[in-house]
Amino acid sequence: MPSHQLKNGNNKKKIIRSKVPPKSGQKTSECAAPDLGKMASTSLVHQKISTKLKLQQSLLDIIRITFKVRLNGDLNVLIKELKQNLYHRDFCTAFGKQDYLEAYAIRWSATRALAYLDIFQQLPQLSYTNLIESSLGLKSHALEISCEHCEETKCSDPPAPAPPTPPAPLTTETNASSREKLRRRESENSHVATQVVCLGGGAGGEILALAGHLTRINSFVSADIQTGSRKAAKLKVTAIDIADWSSVVDRLHLATKADPSLSNHSSPLMEEAINIMPLVDPDLYEVRFLQQDVLQMEESAEMQALLRRARLVTIMFTLNELYSVSMSATTKMLLFMTSILEPGSLLLVVDSPGSYSTVNIGSKFSSGRNDPPSSQQKKKYPMQWLLDHTLLNAARIESIENAHQWEKLYSSDSTWFRHTPGLSYPIALEDMRYQLHLYRRS
């Protein structure tokens, strides 16, 4: 059939007329004008994709530069040995050697950092507004979708305007005084950092993702920050882990800020990092590592002090492992953490989905970290069920006098993260699936 003829459903030929300019004086058929709005929208989408790709690539470059020597060495052998140790759940061996820690960060932290960044940017509770409000001790509008969140997730409709606030029965002088006190309080707390505690966060994925997220949310209000009408968000992050990840955390943190003043006294690797970085303003991002067993939280005054100041606590790909060590100790840790965290604090749990995160227990709960096998038949319980039971039921029952309880803000049993095409990394990047649960202390 000629290319200019097509058959429709009634087997009749439909002639596609060529677009020939009309003769002089001849009426023209209606021609749709260019949709400038659609063109601008398409351009904005491409710009967002480019910005997202650039930020993700920066995270990968940090890992590549930080562990360049390891990448050029016996990485494949180390990863193979690591997988064997992890398969046999020999965590002491897997995380007891510096070479293994670096190999783990290269192999697994890269993809997880990209996934965590994607999670942080999709949660409205972690938007610029809510981070600043929590730092100032103000009420956090956890379900408010900020403008930057709408832009990031391509919301079709803007958030509905807030209802008008009824006039307060105060005099003009009192109102002026209140506004002045609020401005003074905001000025005094302009660079109070939002405290973040990452339980089991030694591998560095959270450190990189939070750095990228901080850069992203501040970029949304960069114009306001420059004029002084808004203050830059600032994060103070503490990664807590039982293994000694201090070197990995310190090196990754250094690469995120890459202070140019170090260029005259640094190694060639740091000089290369300075050409790509900094990812974050060094004054806005503080990171430290604490080597502690999170199941011994009640015995660590330092850990308790950190949690009391925390506005966000993350447990990424760690909770199921804690349950496998001791369900009773993990439950006790969660209940103790509930009694410490301030109202409004957020708990973000991310772990493997489905059957990958189940806990085998008998009809009686185990009693310690080295619990003997129960003689009774074991049953499998989903990690999510145990977590909900502990936070939403047990925490309320045990602390009824103090009204300690949690509100579940968001939950997803299974979500796929697929890396953006076009990223460059020395080893293959893998897509990953996870479950996510977000709670707020009420």
Protein backbone atom coordinates (compact mmCIF):
# COMPACT_ATOMS: atom_id res chain seq x y z
CA MET A 1 0.00 0.00 0.00
CA PRO A 2 1.35 3.47 -0.82
CA SER A 3 2.64 5.33 2.17
CA HIS A 4 0.05 8.06 1.79
CA GLN A 5 -2.93 5.69 2.01
CA LEU A 6 -4.17 3.90 5.14
CA LYS A 7 -7.18 1.64 5.70
CA ASN A 8 -9.62 2.37 8.47
CA GLY A 9 -11.84 -0.06 10.34
CA ASN A 10 -14.41 -0.14 7.48
CA ASN A 11 -11.75 -1.17 4.96
CA LYS A 12 -12.08 2.23 3.29
CA LYS A 13 -9.06 4.04 2.13
CA LYS A 14 -8.29 7.21 4.00
CA ILE A 15 -6.34 9.80 2.07
CA ILE A 16 -3.76 11.71 4.05
CA ARG A 17 -3.51 15.08 2.37
CA SER A 18 -0.11 16.61 1.94
CA LYS A 19 0.47 19.97 3.57
CA VAL A 20 0.70 22.22 0.49
CA PRO A 21 0.63 26.01 1.03
CA PRO A 22 -2.76 27.44 -0.09
CA LYS A 23 -3.01 29.55 -3.21
CA SER A 24 -3.54 33.26 -2.98
CA GLY A 25 -7.06 34.09 -1.88
CA GLN A 26 -7.81 30.50 -0.87
CA LYS A 27 -9.12 29.89 2.64
CA THR A 28 -6.76 28.04 4.91
CA SER A 29 -7.82 25.25 7.21
CA GLU A 30 -7.48 25.83 10.91
CA CYS A 31 -3.92 25.22 12.05
CA ALA A 32 -3.16 24.74 15.70
CA ALA A 33 -0.78 27.32 17.09
CA PRO A 34 2.31 26.06 18.90
CA ASP A 35 1.46 25.07 22.45
CA LEU A 36 3.96 27.27 24.27
CA GLY A 37 2.79 26.02 27.64
CA LYS A 38 3.45 22.42 26.64
CA MET A 39 6.83 23.35 25.20
CA ALA A 40 7.78 25.14 28.42
CA SER A 41 6.55 22.18 30.48
CA THR A 42 8.61 19.77 28.39
CA SER A 43 11.67 21.97 28.79
CA LEU A 44 11.13 22.08 32.57
CA VAL A 45 10.87 18.28 32.73
CA HIS A 46 14.15 17.91 30.82
CA GLN A 47 15.78 20.44 33.14
CA LYS A 48 14.61 18.53 36.22
CA ILE A 49 15.89 15.25 34.81
CA SER A 50 19.24 16.90 34.07
CA THR A 51 19.43 18.32 37.61
CA LYS A 52 18.52 14.96 39.14
CA LEU A 53 21.07 13.14 37.00
CA LYS A 54 23.81 15.62 37.91
CA LEU A 55 23.11 15.28 41.63
CA GLN A 56 23.07 11.47 41.47
CA GLN A 57 26.29 11.47 39.48
CA SER A 58 27.92 13.63 42.16
CA LEU A 59 27.16 11.00 44.79
CA LEU A 60 28.68 8.28 42.65
CA ASP A 61 31.73 10.41 41.91
CA ILE A 62 32.31 10.87 45.64
CA ILE A 63 32.47 7.10 46.17
CA ARG A 64 34.59 6.58 43.05
CA ILE A 65 37.14 9.21 44.11
CA THR A 66 37.18 8.29 47.80
CA PHE A 67 37.92 4.61 47.14
CA LYS A 68 39.84 4.93 43.88
CA VAL A 69 42.75 2.86 45.17
CA ARG A 70 40.42 0.04 46.19
CA LEU A 71 38.63 0.17 42.83
CA ASN A 72 41.94 -0.37 41.07
CA GLY A 73 42.89 -3.22 43.37
CA ASP A 74 41.45 -6.58 44.41
CA LEU A 75 37.84 -5.38 44.58
CA ASN A 76 36.25 -8.42 42.88
CA VAL A 77 37.93 -10.84 45.28
CA LEU A 78 36.84 -8.81 48.30
CA ILE A 79 33.23 -8.58 47.11
CA LYS A 80 33.13 -12.35 46.55
CA GLU A 81 34.42 -13.00 50.07
CA LEU A 82 31.99 -10.42 51.46
CA LYS A 83 29.02 -12.11 49.83
CA GLN A 84 30.03 -15.45 51.31
CA ASN A 85 30.32 -13.99 54.80
CA LEU A 86 26.99 -12.19 54.50
CA TYR A 87 25.28 -15.30 53.17
CA HIS A 88 26.46 -17.27 56.19
CA ARG A 89 25.50 -14.30 58.42
CA ASP A 90 29.05 -14.02 59.67
CA PHE A 91 28.80 -10.27 60.28
CA CYS A 92 31.81 -10.14 62.59
CA THR A 93 34.05 -11.26 59.74
CA ALA A 94 32.22 -9.29 57.05
CA PHE A 95 32.51 -5.99 58.91
CA GLY A 96 35.67 -6.65 60.86
CA LYS A 97 38.19 -5.75 58.19
CA GLN A 98 38.81 -2.32 56.65
CA ASP A 99 39.20 -3.78 53.16
CA TYR A 100 35.76 -5.37 53.44
CA LEU A 101 34.19 -2.12 54.65
CA GLU A 102 35.53 -0.20 51.65
CA ALA A 103 34.41 -2.93 49.26
CA TYR A 104 30.95 -2.92 50.84
CA ALA A 105 30.65 0.85 50.41
CA ILE A 106 31.68 0.63 46.76
CA ARG A 107 29.37 -2.28 45.96
CA TRP A 108 26.23 -1.59 48.01
CA SER A 109 26.33 1.97 49.35
CA ALA A 110 26.38 3.48 45.87
CA THR A 111 22.97 2.16 44.81
CA ARG A 112 21.51 2.68 48.27
CA ALA A 113 22.68 6.30 48.38
CA LEU A 114 20.78 6.96 45.15
CA ALA A 115 17.68 5.19 46.48
CA TYR A 116 17.83 7.02 49.83
CA LEU A 117 18.17 10.35 48.04
CA ASP A 118 15.07 9.52 46.02
CA ILE A 119 13.19 8.62 49.23
CA PHE A 120 14.21 11.81 51.03
CA GLN A 121 13.10 13.96 48.11
CA GLN A 122 9.71 12.28 47.86
CA LEU A 123 8.75 12.66 51.52
CA PRO A 124 7.09 16.04 52.18
CA GLN A 125 7.98 15.67 55.86
CA LEU A 126 11.63 16.20 54.88
CA SER A 127 11.04 19.31 52.77
CA TYR A 128 12.86 22.60 53.39
CA THR A 129 9.97 24.05 55.39
CA ASN A 130 9.60 21.08 57.72
CA LEU A 131 13.34 20.73 58.32
CA ILE A 132 13.64 24.37 59.34
CA GLU A 133 10.49 24.25 61.47
CA SER A 134 11.71 21.20 63.36
CA SER A 135 15.08 22.88 63.97
CA LEU A 136 13.36 25.91 65.48
CA GLY A 137 11.13 23.71 67.62
CA LEU A 138 8.02 24.81 65.76
CA LYS A 139 5.07 22.61 64.95
CA SER A 140 5.83 20.46 61.92
CA HIS A 141 3.08 20.24 59.35
CA ALA A 142 3.88 16.65 58.49
CA LEU A 143 1.27 16.30 55.77
CA GLU A 144 1.93 19.67 54.16
CA ILE A 145 3.22 19.36 50.60
CA SER A 146 5.63 22.19 50.03
CA CYS A 147 6.26 23.92 46.74
CA GLU A 148 9.61 22.24 46.25
CA HIS A 149 7.99 18.83 46.80
CA CYS A 150 5.38 19.60 44.14
CA GLU A 151 8.13 20.50 41.70
CA GLU A 152 10.11 17.39 42.43
CA THR A 153 7.20 14.97 42.07
CA LYS A 154 5.57 16.86 39.22
CA CYS A 155 2.29 17.41 41.04
CA SER A 156 -0.40 18.42 38.58
CA ASP A 157 -2.21 20.65 41.03
CA PRO A 158 -0.71 23.07 43.55
CA PRO A 159 -1.53 22.57 47.22
CA ALA A 160 -4.83 24.03 48.30
CA PRO A 161 -4.42 27.40 50.01
CA ALA A 162 -4.57 27.34 53.77
CA PRO A 163 -7.80 28.68 55.30
CA PRO A 164 -7.58 32.28 56.50
CA THR A 165 -6.43 32.64 60.07
CA PRO A 166 -9.08 34.29 62.26
CA PRO A 167 -7.98 37.57 63.79
CA ALA A 168 -6.55 37.19 67.24
CA PRO A 169 -8.10 39.26 70.01
CA LEU A 170 -4.91 41.23 70.57
CA THR A 171 -4.09 44.89 70.29
CA THR A 172 -1.89 46.28 67.52
CA GLU A 173 0.95 46.81 69.94
CA THR A 174 0.73 43.25 71.20
CA ASN A 175 0.69 41.88 67.65
CA ALA A 176 3.72 43.95 66.72
CA SER A 177 5.52 42.76 69.82
CA SER A 178 4.70 39.12 69.03
CA ARG A 179 5.96 39.46 65.47
CA GLU A 180 9.16 41.07 66.69
CA LYS A 181 9.73 38.25 69.20
CA LEU A 182 9.17 35.67 66.45
CA ARG A 183 11.63 37.43 64.12
CA ARG A 184 14.19 37.64 66.91
CA ARG A 185 13.74 33.95 67.71
CA GLU A 186 14.17 32.99 64.07
CA SER A 187 17.30 35.14 63.84
CA GLU A 188 18.81 33.62 66.98
CA ASN A 189 18.11 30.12 65.68
CA SER A 190 18.93 30.90 62.04
CA HIS A 191 21.60 28.21 61.80
CA VAL A 192 20.42 25.73 64.39
CA ALA A 193 21.10 22.41 62.73
CA THR A 194 18.48 19.74 62.32
CA GLN A 195 19.76 16.71 64.20
CA VAL A 196 19.66 13.39 62.34
CA VAL A 197 20.63 10.01 63.83
CA CYS A 198 21.24 7.07 61.48
CA LEU A 199 21.10 3.78 63.37
CA GLY A 200 23.20 1.26 61.47
CA GLY A 201 24.34 4.03 59.11
CA GLY A 202 28.05 3.30 59.04
CA ALA A 203 28.24 2.19 55.40
CA GLY A 204 27.78 5.77 54.20
CA GLY A 205 24.63 5.53 52.08
CA GLU A 206 22.67 7.82 54.41
CA ILE A 207 25.60 10.24 54.69
CA LEU A 208 25.74 10.78 50.94
CA ALA A 209 21.97 10.86 50.43
CA LEU A 210 21.45 13.45 53.16
CA ALA A 211 24.21 15.61 51.67
CA GLY A 212 22.51 15.47 48.28
CA HIS A 213 19.10 16.16 49.82
CA LEU A 214 20.43 19.16 51.73
CA THR A 215 21.88 20.60 48.54
CA ARG A 216 18.61 20.02 46.71
CA ILE A 217 16.25 21.60 49.24
CA ASN A 218 18.48 24.65 49.68
CA SER A 219 18.60 25.11 45.91
CA PHE A 220 14.81 25.52 45.85
CA VAL A 221 15.05 28.64 48.00
CA SER A 222 18.49 29.87 46.93
CA ALA A 223 17.14 33.26 45.85
CA ASP A 224 15.46 33.78 49.23
CA ILE A 225 18.60 32.64 51.03
CA GLN A 226 20.71 35.19 49.12
CA THR A 227 18.35 38.02 50.01
CA GLY A 228 18.21 36.92 53.62
CA SER A 229 14.48 36.34 53.68
CA ARG A 230 15.03 32.63 54.35
CA LYS A 231 17.80 30.76 56.09
CA ALA A 232 19.71 27.85 54.64
CA ALA A 233 18.84 24.45 56.05
CA LYS A 234 21.61 22.87 58.10
CA LEU A 235 22.04 19.22 59.08
CA LYS A 236 24.03 17.59 61.86
CA VAL A 237 24.20 13.86 61.24
CA THR A 238 25.42 11.09 63.53
CA ALA A 239 25.90 7.60 62.10
CA ILE A 240 25.85 4.86 64.75
CA ASP A 241 27.04 1.34 64.03
CA ILE A 242 28.50 -1.64 65.89
CA ALA A 243 31.39 -2.01 63.43
CA ASP A 244 34.15 0.58 63.10
CA TRP A 245 33.07 2.51 60.01
CA SER A 246 34.78 5.70 61.19
CA SER A 247 37.28 5.82 58.32
CA VAL A 248 34.61 5.27 55.67
CA VAL A 249 32.28 7.90 57.16
CA ASP A 250 35.03 10.48 57.66
CA ARG A 251 36.39 10.09 54.13
CA LEU A 252 32.99 10.27 52.48
CA HIS A 253 32.06 13.31 54.54
CA LEU A 254 35.32 15.02 53.63
CA ALA A 255 34.66 14.40 49.95
CA THR A 256 31.16 15.91 50.15
CA LYS A 257 32.49 19.25 51.33
CA ALA A 258 35.98 19.14 49.76
CA ASP A 259 37.27 22.32 51.34
CA PRO A 260 39.34 24.14 48.66
CA SER A 261 41.76 25.30 51.36
CA LEU A 262 43.03 21.69 51.48
CA SER A 263 44.14 21.75 47.85
CA ASN A 264 47.74 22.74 48.67
CA HIS A 265 48.13 20.05 51.30
CA SER A 266 46.14 17.16 49.94
CA SER A 267 46.67 14.01 47.98
CA PRO A 268 46.04 13.78 44.21
CA LEU A 269 42.74 12.06 45.03
CA MET A 270 41.55 15.05 47.04
CA GLU A 271 42.70 17.45 44.33
CA GLU A 272 40.55 15.51 41.86
CA ALA A 273 37.62 15.67 44.29
CA ILE A 274 37.97 19.44 44.63
CA ASN A 275 37.57 19.79 40.87
CA ILE A 276 34.15 18.08 41.08
CA MET A 277 32.90 19.19 44.48
CA PRO A 278 31.85 20.64 46.82
CA LEU A 279 28.48 18.98 47.03
CA VAL A 280 27.52 20.82 50.22
CA ASP A 281 28.55 23.95 52.07
CA PRO A 282 30.90 22.76 54.86
CA ASP A 283 29.19 25.14 57.30
CA LEU A 284 25.80 23.54 56.66
CA TYR A 285 26.64 19.85 56.91
CA GLU A 286 28.24 18.21 59.92
CA VAL A 287 28.81 14.46 60.20
CA ARG A 288 30.25 12.29 62.93
CA PHE A 289 30.47 8.56 63.61
CA LEU A 290 29.75 6.77 66.88
CA GLN A 291 30.70 3.12 67.32
CA GLN A 292 28.03 1.63 69.55
CA ASP A 293 25.76 -1.39 69.67
CA VAL A 294 22.30 0.14 69.17
CA LEU A 295 20.76 -2.74 71.13
CA GLN A 296 22.65 -1.43 74.16
CA MET A 297 20.94 1.96 73.92
CA GLU A 298 19.91 2.04 77.58
CA GLU A 299 23.55 1.75 78.65
CA SER A 300 24.85 4.55 76.39
CA ALA A 301 24.36 8.06 77.78
CA GLU A 302 25.87 9.52 74.63
CA MET A 303 23.42 7.72 72.37
CA GLN A 304 20.52 8.81 74.54
CA ALA A 305 21.63 12.44 74.39
CA LEU A 306 21.81 12.29 70.60
CA LEU A 307 18.33 10.81 70.32
CA ARG A 308 16.82 13.43 72.61
CA ARG A 309 17.94 16.13 70.19
CA ALA A 310 17.10 14.19 67.03
CA ARG A 311 14.35 15.34 64.71
CA LEU A 312 14.87 12.43 62.32
CA VAL A 313 16.00 8.88 63.10
CA THR A 314 16.67 6.47 60.25
CA ILE A 315 17.02 2.69 60.37
CA MET A 316 18.01 1.66 56.84
CA PHE A 317 18.43 -2.04 56.03
CA THR A 318 19.25 -2.70 59.67
CA LEU A 319 16.06 -3.44 61.60
CA ASN A 320 15.52 -6.93 60.20
CA GLU A 321 19.10 -7.84 61.11
CA LEU A 322 18.51 -6.57 64.64
CA TYR A 323 15.37 -8.69 64.91
CA SER A 324 17.35 -11.71 63.72
CA VAL A 325 19.90 -11.13 66.49
CA SER A 326 17.26 -10.80 69.21
CA MET A 327 13.63 -9.93 68.83
CA SER A 328 13.22 -9.11 72.52
CA ALA A 329 16.26 -6.82 72.59
CA THR A 330 15.14 -5.05 69.42
CA THR A 331 11.64 -4.54 70.80
CA LYS A 332 13.13 -3.20 74.02
CA MET A 333 15.31 -0.79 72.01
CA LEU A 334 12.33 0.56 70.06
CA LEU A 335 10.31 1.08 73.24
CA PHE A 336 13.22 2.80 74.96
CA MET A 337 13.75 5.03 71.94
CA THR A 338 10.06 5.92 72.09
CA SER A 339 10.50 7.21 75.63
CA ILE A 340 13.47 9.38 74.61
CA LEU A 341 12.44 11.02 71.35
CA GLU A 342 10.64 14.33 71.49
CA PRO A 343 7.09 14.71 70.12
CA GLY A 344 7.21 15.53 66.42
CA SER A 345 10.35 13.47 65.82
CA LEU A 346 10.29 11.25 62.76
CA LEU A 347 11.35 7.62 62.45
CA LEU A 348 12.10 6.36 58.94
CA VAL A 349 12.53 2.61 58.46
CA VAL A 350 13.66 1.14 55.12
CA ASP A 351 14.42 -2.54 54.62
CA SER A 352 14.18 -5.45 52.22
CA PRO A 353 10.58 -6.26 51.23
CA GLY A 354 8.41 -9.33 51.65
CA SER A 355 9.91 -12.66 52.59
CA TYR A 356 13.39 -11.12 52.81
CA SER A 357 12.32 -9.41 56.05
CA THR A 358 10.69 -12.02 58.24
CA VAL A 359 11.52 -13.05 61.78
CA ASN A 360 11.27 -16.62 63.04
CA ILE A 361 9.97 -16.82 66.60
CA GLY A 362 8.19 -19.34 68.78
CA SER A 363 5.15 -18.81 70.94
CA LYS A 364 7.46 -17.40 73.61
CA PHE A 365 9.66 -14.41 72.92
CA SER A 366 13.40 -14.84 73.21
CA SER A 367 15.14 -13.23 76.14
CA GLY A 368 18.59 -12.12 75.04
CA ARG A 369 21.11 -11.67 72.28
CA ASN A 370 22.25 -15.32 72.41
CA ASP A 371 18.85 -16.91 72.81
CA PRO A 372 18.82 -20.74 72.69
CA PRO A 373 16.59 -22.32 70.05
CA SER A 374 13.03 -22.72 71.26
CA SER A 375 11.73 -26.22 71.57
CA GLN A 376 8.39 -25.01 70.32
CA GLN A 377 7.47 -24.63 66.67
CA LYS A 378 8.77 -21.47 65.07
CA LYS A 379 6.52 -19.06 63.22
CA LYS A 380 7.43 -16.43 60.68
CA TYR A 381 6.35 -12.85 61.31
CA PRO A 382 6.83 -9.97 58.85
CA MET A 383 9.17 -7.29 60.12
CA GLN A 384 6.53 -4.67 59.35
CA TRP A 385 3.98 -6.41 61.58
CA LEU A 386 6.43 -6.56 64.47
CA LEU A 387 7.36 -2.90 64.01
CA ASP A 388 3.74 -1.75 63.91
CA HIS A 389 2.86 -3.89 66.90
CA THR A 390 5.73 -2.41 68.91
CA LEU A 391 5.24 1.25 68.02
CA LEU A 392 1.48 1.50 67.59
CA ASN A 393 0.34 -0.95 70.28
CA ALA A 394 3.01 -1.94 72.80
CA ALA A 395 4.45 1.57 73.11
CA ARG A 396 1.04 3.01 73.92
CA ILE A 397 0.16 0.28 76.39
CA GLU A 398 3.45 0.34 78.32
CA SER A 399 3.61 4.14 78.51
CA ILE A 400 -0.02 4.99 79.04
CA GLU A 401 0.78 7.44 81.82
CA ASN A 402 3.13 9.48 79.63
CA ALA A 403 1.03 8.97 76.48
CA HIS A 404 4.06 7.89 74.47
CA GLN A 405 2.83 6.69 71.11
CA TRP A 406 3.45 6.93 67.39
CA GLU A 407 1.47 8.00 64.37
CA LYS A 408 2.10 6.17 61.11
CA LEU A 409 2.39 8.74 58.31
CA TYR A 410 3.29 6.58 55.34
CA SER A 411 3.88 2.93 54.48
CA SER A 412 4.84 0.99 51.38
CA ASP A 413 5.23 -2.78 51.39
CA SER A 414 7.24 -2.84 48.18
CA THR A 415 8.71 -0.07 46.04
CA TRP A 416 11.17 -0.32 43.19
CA PHE A 417 14.03 2.11 42.78
CA ARG A 418 15.45 2.12 39.27
CA HIS A 419 18.60 4.10 38.64
CA THR A 420 18.54 6.85 36.06
CA PRO A 421 20.02 5.90 32.65
CA GLY A 422 23.18 7.78 31.81
CA LEU A 423 24.95 7.46 35.16
CA SER A 424 28.64 6.56 35.12
CA TYR A 425 30.16 4.24 37.72
CA PRO A 426 33.06 1.75 37.62
CA ILE A 427 30.85 -1.23 38.44
CA ALA A 428 27.31 -2.09 37.38
CA LEU A 429 24.53 -0.28 39.22
CA GLU A 430 21.56 -2.39 40.22
CA ASP A 431 17.92 -1.52 40.72
CA MET A 432 16.62 -2.30 44.18
CA ARG A 433 13.30 -3.01 45.90
CA TYR A 434 12.49 -1.92 49.43
CA GLN A 435 9.74 -1.45 51.99
CA LEU A 436 9.34 1.93 53.68
CA HIS A 437 7.58 3.04 56.88
CA LEU A 438 7.48 6.56 58.31
CA TYR A 439 6.30 7.30 61.85
CA ARG A 440 5.99 10.45 63.93
CA ARG A 441 6.15 10.66 67.72
CA SER A 442 2.93 12.20 68.96
